[in-house]
Amino acid sequence: MEGDRRAREDPRGGPTRLIEGPEPGPVRDAATPEVGRKRGSRPWRDVLARARGPWRVAVVEGSMLPAIAPGDWLLVDPTVRRWPQRGSVVVFEPPDSAGLSIKRVAAGPNDVIQFGGGYLRLGHDEAWLLSDADGAAAAAAGFGAPRDSRQFGPVPLELLIGRAWFRYAPLRRIGRIGRARGIAATSDK
């Protein structure tokens, strides 16, 4: 049964934990793909792991409050090969740290966003990902200020892990994760 675990899941049996900052060194075993792989290259094992079905992840940060809270367990579709529609929730590898993060797609490929007193056109494979929670809401929940594309910039498609689509725990919050309407891709930098 251990060999049947999906890639990126904790080999001890728990779901993957989403974090905001750098995490201690990754736990490695034969079922876990290399974290330090060259960007853009996908070993055949990684492709097969993506095709086996949804991944389970547990949220441990408050950057997506109130839509997704710490303690929520999500199912992620790892078979997506392009950025989902604006307003969708995605799991990705942050460009400036190790681990996984969860954010909402605010702008997709070739969109123009307001940034740093001007405008920025995203590349054909980039997306602008934002947190739902503002700094005050995250601080009230006991977390630091959320980190998103306003700090690390556009996220390339090669860092996309999948689209979060269903919350299966806790029972009082079970259900589909819908898209948010009217997402504004502006920055206050």
Protein backbone atom coordinates (compact mmCIF):
# COMPACT_ATOMS: atom_id res chain seq x y z
CA MET A 1 0.00 0.00 0.00
CA GLU A 2 2.90 2.38 0.67
CA GLY A 3 3.92 2.31 -3.00
CA ASP A 4 0.40 3.38 -3.98
CA ARG A 5 0.62 6.73 -2.17
CA ARG A 6 0.35 9.72 -4.43
CA ALA A 7 3.37 11.92 -5.06
CA ARG A 8 3.74 14.93 -2.75
CA GLU A 9 1.82 13.21 0.05
CA ASP A 10 3.52 12.63 3.35
CA PRO A 11 4.96 9.09 3.26
CA ARG A 12 3.86 8.62 6.87
CA GLY A 13 0.24 8.66 5.71
CA GLY A 14 -0.92 12.22 6.32
CA PRO A 15 -1.90 14.66 3.61
CA THR A 16 0.47 17.23 2.21
CA ARG A 17 0.61 20.40 4.30
CA LEU A 18 0.37 23.80 2.63
CA ILE A 19 2.75 26.36 4.02
CA GLU A 20 3.55 30.00 3.39
CA GLY A 21 7.28 30.11 4.06
CA PRO A 22 10.25 27.84 3.70
CA GLU A 23 9.93 24.47 5.35
CA PRO A 24 12.57 22.21 6.80
CA GLY A 25 14.12 19.71 4.42
CA PRO A 26 11.65 17.49 2.56
CA VAL A 27 11.04 13.89 3.57
CA ARG A 28 12.19 11.70 0.71
CA ASP A 29 11.40 8.16 -0.26
CA ALA A 30 11.05 6.24 -3.51
CA ALA A 31 7.48 7.51 -4.07
CA THR A 32 8.36 11.21 -3.70
CA PRO A 33 9.62 13.07 -6.78
CA GLU A 34 12.75 15.16 -6.41
CA VAL A 35 11.96 18.63 -5.12
CA GLY A 36 15.02 20.19 -6.75
CA ARG A 37 14.28 19.01 -10.28
CA LYS A 38 15.13 21.28 -13.18
CA ARG A 39 12.21 23.57 -14.00
CA GLY A 40 10.29 22.53 -17.06
CA SER A 41 11.40 18.90 -16.91
CA ARG A 42 8.89 16.30 -15.82
CA PRO A 43 10.19 12.81 -15.20
CA TRP A 44 7.82 10.11 -16.41
CA ARG A 45 7.15 9.09 -12.79
CA ASP A 46 5.88 12.58 -12.02
CA VAL A 47 3.53 12.47 -15.02
CA LEU A 48 2.21 9.05 -13.97
CA ALA A 49 1.71 10.25 -10.39
CA ARG A 50 -0.37 13.17 -11.66
CA ALA A 51 -2.59 10.84 -13.68
CA ARG A 52 -3.51 8.60 -10.74
CA GLY A 53 -6.23 10.89 -9.42
CA PRO A 54 -6.78 13.67 -6.90
CA TRP A 55 -4.25 14.51 -4.22
CA ARG A 56 -5.13 15.26 -0.61
CA VAL A 57 -3.76 18.37 1.07
CA ALA A 58 -4.27 19.86 4.53
CA VAL A 59 -4.27 23.64 4.90
CA VAL A 60 -2.14 25.00 7.76
CA GLU A 61 -2.03 28.74 6.91
CA GLY A 62 -4.64 31.48 7.01
CA SER A 63 -3.88 33.32 3.77
CA MET A 64 -7.14 32.22 2.12
CA LEU A 65 -9.51 33.04 4.98
CA PRO A 66 -12.54 32.87 5.06
CA ALA A 67 -12.94 30.71 1.91
CA ILE A 68 -10.30 28.17 2.97
CA ALA A 69 -9.32 27.96 6.63
CA PRO A 70 -6.51 26.25 8.52
CA GLY A 71 -7.62 22.69 9.23
CA ASP A 72 -9.47 22.29 5.92
CA TRP A 73 -8.60 19.16 3.94
CA LEU A 74 -8.81 19.60 0.18
CA LEU A 75 -8.83 17.45 -2.93
CA VAL A 76 -6.58 18.78 -5.70
CA ASP A 77 -6.82 17.85 -9.37
CA PRO A 78 -3.18 17.38 -10.48
CA THR A 79 -4.06 16.74 -14.14
CA VAL A 80 -4.52 20.42 -15.11
CA ARG A 81 -2.04 21.50 -17.77
CA ARG A 82 -2.96 25.18 -18.07
CA TRP A 83 -3.99 27.91 -15.67
CA PRO A 84 -7.64 27.55 -14.57
CA GLN A 85 -10.12 30.38 -15.03
CA ARG A 86 -9.88 33.58 -13.02
CA GLY A 87 -11.26 33.08 -9.51
CA SER A 88 -10.20 29.40 -9.26
CA VAL A 89 -8.13 28.18 -6.31
CA VAL A 90 -4.80 26.54 -7.18
CA VAL A 91 -1.96 24.77 -5.38
CA PHE A 92 1.51 25.65 -6.63
CA GLU A 93 5.18 25.77 -5.71
CA PRO A 94 6.06 29.37 -4.74
CA PRO A 95 8.85 30.71 -6.96
CA ASP A 96 10.89 31.96 -4.01
CA SER A 97 10.61 29.13 -1.46
CA ALA A 98 10.20 25.39 -1.01
CA GLY A 99 6.92 23.69 -0.18
CA LEU A 100 3.42 24.27 -1.50
CA SER A 101 1.08 27.22 -1.34
CA ILE A 102 -2.57 27.86 -2.17
CA LYS A 103 -3.91 31.03 -3.80
CA ARG A 104 -6.65 32.28 -6.11
CA VAL A 105 -6.03 33.01 -9.81
CA ALA A 106 -6.53 36.77 -10.22
CA ALA A 107 -5.23 37.06 -13.79
CA GLY A 108 -4.16 34.54 -16.38
CA PRO A 109 -1.88 34.33 -19.40
CA ASN A 110 -1.58 37.50 -21.51
CA ASP A 111 -3.69 39.58 -19.07
CA VAL A 112 -2.60 43.10 -18.19
CA ILE A 113 -2.47 43.99 -14.49
CA GLN A 114 -1.76 47.17 -12.60
CA PHE A 115 1.55 46.84 -10.78
CA GLY A 116 4.07 49.25 -9.24
CA GLY A 117 2.54 52.44 -10.64
CA GLY A 118 2.33 50.98 -14.14
CA TYR A 119 1.04 47.95 -15.96
CA LEU A 120 2.43 44.47 -16.40
CA ARG A 121 1.48 42.06 -19.19
CA LEU A 122 1.68 38.43 -18.09
CA GLY A 123 3.43 35.92 -20.34
CA HIS A 124 1.62 33.16 -22.24
CA ASP A 125 2.34 30.72 -19.39
CA GLU A 126 2.06 33.00 -16.33
CA ALA A 127 -0.67 33.78 -13.79
CA TRP A 128 -1.11 36.39 -11.05
CA LEU A 129 -2.08 34.64 -7.80
CA LEU A 130 -3.55 36.47 -4.81
CA SER A 131 -4.56 35.62 -1.25
CA ASP A 132 -8.18 36.05 -0.15
CA ALA A 133 -7.22 37.32 3.30
CA ASP A 134 -5.75 40.75 3.83
CA GLY A 135 -3.00 41.39 6.39
CA ALA A 136 -5.48 42.34 9.15
CA ALA A 137 -7.62 39.20 8.72
CA ALA A 138 -4.55 36.93 8.69
CA ALA A 139 -3.13 38.66 11.78
CA ALA A 140 -6.46 38.31 13.61
CA ALA A 141 -6.31 34.56 12.91
CA GLY A 142 -2.76 34.39 14.32
CA PHE A 143 -0.80 34.34 11.07
CA GLY A 144 1.59 36.76 9.41
CA ALA A 145 0.83 38.83 6.35
CA PRO A 146 -0.08 36.65 3.33
CA ARG A 147 2.49 36.29 0.56
CA ASP A 148 1.26 36.24 -3.01
CA SER A 149 2.14 37.60 -6.47
CA ARG A 150 2.40 41.11 -5.02
CA GLN A 151 5.61 39.91 -3.34
CA PHE A 152 7.01 37.26 -5.70
CA GLY A 153 5.53 38.32 -9.05
CA PRO A 154 3.89 36.23 -11.77
CA VAL A 155 3.96 32.46 -11.36
CA PRO A 156 4.99 30.32 -14.37
CA LEU A 157 2.87 27.35 -15.41
CA GLU A 158 5.66 24.88 -14.57
CA LEU A 159 5.09 25.62 -10.85
CA LEU A 160 1.37 24.78 -10.98
CA ILE A 161 0.54 21.62 -9.02
CA GLY A 162 -3.21 21.53 -9.51
CA ARG A 163 -6.63 23.07 -8.94
CA ALA A 164 -8.28 22.69 -5.53
CA TRP A 165 -11.90 21.74 -6.15
CA PHE A 166 -13.39 20.03 -3.07
CA ARG A 167 -13.16 20.36 0.73
CA TYR A 168 -13.75 16.99 2.40
CA ALA A 169 -13.05 17.94 6.01
CA PRO A 170 -14.02 19.20 8.53
CA LEU A 171 -17.55 17.89 8.10
CA ARG A 172 -19.22 21.23 8.88
CA ARG A 173 -17.38 22.81 5.90
CA ILE A 174 -17.60 19.97 3.37
CA GLY A 175 -18.34 20.93 -0.25
CA ARG A 176 -17.06 22.22 -3.58
CA ILE A 177 -14.63 25.12 -3.72
CA GLY A 178 -16.19 27.55 -6.13
CA ARG A 179 -14.66 30.31 -8.17
CA ALA A 180 -14.82 33.82 -6.80
CA ARG A 181 -16.40 36.43 -9.06
CA GLY A 182 -15.05 39.91 -9.67
CA ILE A 183 -11.40 39.26 -8.77
CA ALA A 184 -9.37 42.43 -9.27
CA ALA A 185 -5.74 41.86 -10.27
CA THR A 186 -4.32 45.09 -8.95
CA SER A 187 -1.34 45.66 -6.76
CA ASP A 188 -0.65 48.27 -4.13
CA LYS A 189 3.14 48.17 -4.59
